[in-house]
């Protein structure tokens, strides 16, 4: 599928950084995805 190892590395990096890390749950923020945590914090700041 990929012509070079560099192209494969680019796609893997893109998947991990753009999709996976933004979707996976993180124990450091209450087992929420980063986007859920950010939304919660923004709502909290609006109330404060």
PDB file of N, CA and C in Angstrom:
ATOM      1  N   UNK A   1       0.815  -1.192   0.000  1.00  0.00           N
ATOM      2  CA  UNK A   1       0.000   0.000   0.000  1.00  0.00           C
ATOM      3  C   UNK A   1       0.862   1.260   0.000  1.00  0.00           C
ATOM      4  N   UNK A   2       1.959   1.244   0.727  1.00  0.00           N
ATOM      5  CA  UNK A   2       2.842   2.407   0.782  1.00  0.00           C
ATOM      6  C   UNK A   2       4.047   2.176  -0.114  1.00  0.00           C
ATOM      7  N   UNK A   3       4.466   3.225  -0.775  1.00  0.00           N
ATOM      8  CA  UNK A   3       5.617   3.106  -1.660  1.00  0.00           C
ATOM      9  C   UNK A   3       6.930   3.131  -0.894  1.00  0.00           C
ATOM     10  N   UNK A   4       6.941   3.856   0.213  1.00  0.00           N
ATOM     11  CA  UNK A   4       8.173   3.951   0.998  1.00  0.00           C
ATOM     12  C   UNK A   4       7.869   3.776   2.486  1.00  0.00           C
ATOM     13  N   UNK A   5       8.903   3.469   3.218  1.00  0.00           N
ATOM     14  CA  UNK A   5       8.775   3.357   4.673  1.00  0.00           C
ATOM     15  C   UNK A   5       8.389   4.719   5.266  1.00  0.00           C
ATOM     16  N   UNK A   6       8.894   5.776   4.687  1.00  0.00           N
ATOM     17  CA  UNK A   6       8.589   7.127   5.158  1.00  0.00           C
ATOM     18  C   UNK A   6       7.093   7.424   5.064  1.00  0.00           C
ATOM     19  N   UNK A   7       6.464   7.027   3.980  1.00  0.00           N
ATOM     20  CA  UNK A   7       5.021   7.226   3.823  1.00  0.00           C
ATOM     21  C   UNK A   7       4.250   6.444   4.884  1.00  0.00           C
ATOM     22  N   UNK A   8       4.673   5.233   5.147  1.00  0.00           N
ATOM     23  CA  UNK A   8       4.026   4.416   6.177  1.00  0.00           C
ATOM     24  C   UNK A   8       4.180   5.071   7.545  1.00  0.00           C
ATOM     25  N   UNK A   9       5.381   5.538   7.850  1.00  0.00           N
ATOM     26  CA  UNK A   9       5.620   6.205   9.134  1.00  0.00           C
ATOM     27  C   UNK A   9       4.749   7.444   9.289  1.00  0.00           C
ATOM     28  N   UNK A  10       4.591   8.206   8.220  1.00  0.00           N
ATOM     29  CA  UNK A  10       3.748   9.401   8.256  1.00  0.00           C
ATOM     30  C   UNK A  10       2.312   9.056   8.610  1.00  0.00           C
ATOM     31  N   UNK A  11       1.781   8.031   7.964  1.00  0.00           N
ATOM     32  CA  UNK A  11       0.392   7.633   8.202  1.00  0.00           C
ATOM     33  C   UNK A  11       0.197   7.082   9.607  1.00  0.00           C
ATOM     34  N   UNK A  12       1.160   6.328  10.097  1.00  0.00           N
ATOM     35  CA  UNK A  12       1.074   5.797  11.460  1.00  0.00           C
ATOM     36  C   UNK A  12       1.096   6.942  12.461  1.00  0.00           C
ATOM     37  N   UNK A  13       2.010   7.884  12.278  1.00  0.00           N
ATOM     38  CA  UNK A  13       2.097   9.050  13.157  1.00  0.00           C
ATOM     39  C   UNK A  13       0.787   9.829  13.131  1.00  0.00           C
ATOM     40  N   UNK A  14       0.264  10.046  11.940  1.00  0.00           N
ATOM     41  CA  UNK A  14      -0.987  10.783  11.771  1.00  0.00           C
ATOM     42  C   UNK A  14      -2.124  10.086  12.520  1.00  0.00           C
ATOM     43  N   UNK A  15      -2.219   8.774  12.378  1.00  0.00           N
ATOM     44  CA  UNK A  15      -3.274   8.018  13.055  1.00  0.00           C
ATOM     45  C   UNK A  15      -3.156   8.169  14.570  1.00  0.00           C
ATOM     46  N   UNK A  16      -1.960   7.978  15.095  1.00  0.00           N
ATOM     47  CA  UNK A  16      -1.767   8.028  16.546  1.00  0.00           C
ATOM     48  C   UNK A  16      -2.027   9.427  17.084  1.00  0.00           C
ATOM     49  N   UNK A  17      -1.437  10.435  16.477  1.00  0.00           N
ATOM     50  CA  UNK A  17      -1.541  11.798  16.999  1.00  0.00           C
ATOM     51  C   UNK A  17      -2.894  12.449  16.744  1.00  0.00           C
ATOM     52  N   UNK A  18      -3.466  12.207  15.581  1.00  0.00           N
ATOM     53  CA  UNK A  18      -4.700  12.904  15.224  1.00  0.00           C
ATOM     54  C   UNK A  18      -5.944  12.138  15.649  1.00  0.00           C
ATOM     55  N   UNK A  19      -5.924  10.828  15.552  1.00  0.00           N
ATOM     56  CA  UNK A  19      -7.129  10.074  15.887  1.00  0.00           C
ATOM     57  C   UNK A  19      -7.037   9.398  17.248  1.00  0.00           C
ATOM     58  N   UNK A  20      -6.109   8.485  17.403  1.00  0.00           N
ATOM     59  CA  UNK A  20      -6.070   7.631  18.589  1.00  0.00           C
ATOM     60  C   UNK A  20      -5.907   8.413  19.888  1.00  0.00           C
ATOM     61  N   UNK A  21      -4.933   9.278  19.974  1.00  0.00           N
ATOM     62  CA  UNK A  21      -4.686  10.003  21.226  1.00  0.00           C
ATOM     63  C   UNK A  21      -5.835  10.926  21.604  1.00  0.00           C
ATOM     64  N   UNK A  22      -6.615  11.348  20.634  1.00  0.00           N
ATOM     65  CA  UNK A  22      -7.756  12.216  20.934  1.00  0.00           C
ATOM     66  C   UNK A  22      -8.988  11.424  21.336  1.00  0.00           C
ATOM     67  N   UNK A  23      -8.996  10.118  21.047  1.00  0.00           N
ATOM     68  CA  UNK A  23     -10.152   9.283  21.349  1.00  0.00           C
ATOM     69  C   UNK A  23      -9.973   8.438  22.603  1.00  0.00           C
ATOM     70  N   UNK A  24      -8.739   8.028  22.868  1.00  0.00           N
ATOM     71  CA  UNK A  24      -8.536   7.084  23.973  1.00  0.00           C
ATOM     72  C   UNK A  24      -8.765   7.754  25.315  1.00  0.00           C
ATOM     73  N   UNK A  25      -9.139   6.936  26.285  1.00  0.00           N
ATOM     74  CA  UNK A  25      -9.405   7.435  27.624  1.00  0.00           C
ATOM     75  C   UNK A  25      -8.098   7.566  28.384  1.00  0.00           C
ATOM     76  N   UNK A  26      -7.987   8.612  29.174  1.00  0.00           N
ATOM     77  CA  UNK A  26      -6.771   8.873  29.937  1.00  0.00           C
ATOM     78  C   UNK A  26      -7.096   8.809  31.423  1.00  0.00           C
ATOM     79  N   UNK A  27      -6.325   8.028  32.154  1.00  0.00           N
ATOM     80  CA  UNK A  27      -6.565   7.907  33.596  1.00  0.00           C
ATOM     81  C   UNK A  27      -6.292   9.222  34.320  1.00  0.00           C
ATOM     82  N   UNK A  28      -5.405  10.036  33.791  1.00  0.00           N
ATOM     83  CA  UNK A  28      -5.044  11.292  34.461  1.00  0.00           C
ATOM     84  C   UNK A  28      -6.162  12.333  34.426  1.00  0.00           C
ATOM     85  N   UNK A  29      -7.165  12.134  33.582  1.00  0.00           N
ATOM     86  CA  UNK A  29      -8.273  13.097  33.553  1.00  0.00           C
ATOM     87  C   UNK A  29      -9.629  12.411  33.766  1.00  0.00           C
ATOM     88  N   UNK A  30      -9.626  11.428  34.659  1.00  0.00           N
ATOM     89  CA  UNK A  30     -10.886  10.788  35.030  1.00  0.00           C
ATOM     90  C   UNK A  30     -11.437   9.841  33.988  1.00  0.00           C
ATOM     91  N   UNK A  31     -10.581   9.228  33.216  1.00  0.00           N
ATOM     92  CA  UNK A  31     -10.969   8.266  32.178  1.00  0.00           C
ATOM     93  C   UNK A  31     -11.924   8.868  31.153  1.00  0.00           C
ATOM     94  N   UNK A  32     -11.623  10.100  30.774  1.00  0.00           N
ATOM     95  CA  UNK A  32     -12.348  10.756  29.690  1.00  0.00           C
ATOM     96  C   UNK A  32     -11.392  10.923  28.522  1.00  0.00           C
ATOM     97  N   UNK A  33     -11.951  11.059  27.339  1.00  0.00           N
ATOM     98  CA  UNK A  33     -11.105  11.382  26.194  1.00  0.00           C
ATOM     99  C   UNK A  33     -10.657  12.829  26.350  1.00  0.00           C
ATOM    100  N   UNK A  34      -9.569  13.207  25.701  1.00  0.00           N
ATOM    101  CA  UNK A  34      -9.122  14.597  25.807  1.00  0.00           C
ATOM    102  C   UNK A  34     -10.196  15.605  25.393  1.00  0.00           C
ATOM    103  N   UNK A  35     -10.973  15.282  24.365  1.00  0.00           N
ATOM    104  CA  UNK A  35     -12.005  16.230  23.932  1.00  0.00           C
ATOM    105  C   UNK A  35     -13.125  16.336  24.967  1.00  0.00           C
ATOM    106  N   UNK A  36     -13.499  15.216  25.603  1.00  0.00           N
ATOM    107  CA  UNK A  36     -14.508  15.273  26.662  1.00  0.00           C
ATOM    108  C   UNK A  36     -14.004  16.105  27.844  1.00  0.00           C
ATOM    109  N   UNK A  37     -12.745  15.890  28.210  1.00  0.00           N
ATOM    110  CA  UNK A  37     -12.152  16.624  29.325  1.00  0.00           C
ATOM    111  C   UNK A  37     -12.104  18.118  29.023  1.00  0.00           C
ATOM    112  N   UNK A  38     -11.711  18.453  27.809  1.00  0.00           N
ATOM    113  CA  UNK A  38     -11.646  19.863  27.419  1.00  0.00           C
ATOM    114  C   UNK A  38     -13.032  20.506  27.468  1.00  0.00           C
ATOM    115  N   UNK A  39     -14.039  19.797  26.942  1.00  0.00           N
ATOM    116  CA  UNK A  39     -15.409  20.320  26.991  1.00  0.00           C
ATOM    117  C   UNK A  39     -15.854  20.556  28.432  1.00  0.00           C
ATOM    118  N   UNK A  40     -15.554  19.599  29.297  1.00  0.00           N
ATOM    119  CA  UNK A  40     -15.931  19.727  30.706  1.00  0.00           C
ATOM    120  C   UNK A  40     -15.244  20.937  31.341  1.00  0.00           C
ATOM    121  N   UNK A  41     -13.962  21.112  31.056  1.00  0.00           N
ATOM    122  CA  UNK A  41     -13.225  22.237  31.632  1.00  0.00           C
ATOM    123  C   UNK A  41     -13.748  23.574  31.106  1.00  0.00           C
ATOM    124  N   UNK A  42     -14.092  23.631  29.834  1.00  0.00           N
ATOM    125  CA  UNK A  42     -14.636  24.871  29.267  1.00  0.00           C
ATOM    126  C   UNK A  42     -15.970  25.224  29.911  1.00  0.00           C
ATOM    127  N   UNK A  43     -16.820  24.213  30.123  1.00  0.00           N
ATOM    128  CA  UNK A  43     -18.101  24.456  30.786  1.00  0.00           C
ATOM    129  C   UNK A  43     -17.885  24.916  32.224  1.00  0.00           C
ATOM    130  N   UNK A  44     -16.907  24.326  32.895  1.00  0.00           N
ATOM    131  CA  UNK A  44     -16.593  24.699  34.274  1.00  0.00           C
ATOM    132  C   UNK A  44     -16.116  26.152  34.344  1.00  0.00           C
ATOM    133  N   UNK A  45     -15.277  26.547  33.383  1.00  0.00           N
ATOM    134  CA  UNK A  45     -14.758  27.922  33.365  1.00  0.00           C
ATOM    135  C   UNK A  45     -15.871  28.931  33.105  1.00  0.00           C
ATOM    136  N   UNK A  46     -16.857  28.556  32.281  1.00  0.00           N
ATOM    137  CA  UNK A  46     -17.973  29.464  31.999  1.00  0.00           C
ATOM    138  C   UNK A  46     -18.808  29.700  33.250  1.00  0.00           C
ATOM    139  N   UNK A  47     -18.955  28.668  34.059  1.00  0.00           N
ATOM    140  CA  UNK A  47     -19.758  28.762  35.272  1.00  0.00           C
ATOM    141  C   UNK A  47     -19.030  29.567  36.338  1.00  0.00           C
ATOM    142  N   UNK A  48     -17.724  29.455  36.376  1.00  0.00           N
ATOM    143  CA  UNK A  48     -16.929  30.133  37.416  1.00  0.00           C
ATOM    144  C   UNK A  48     -16.887  31.627  37.231  1.00  0.00           C
TER     145      UNK A  48
END
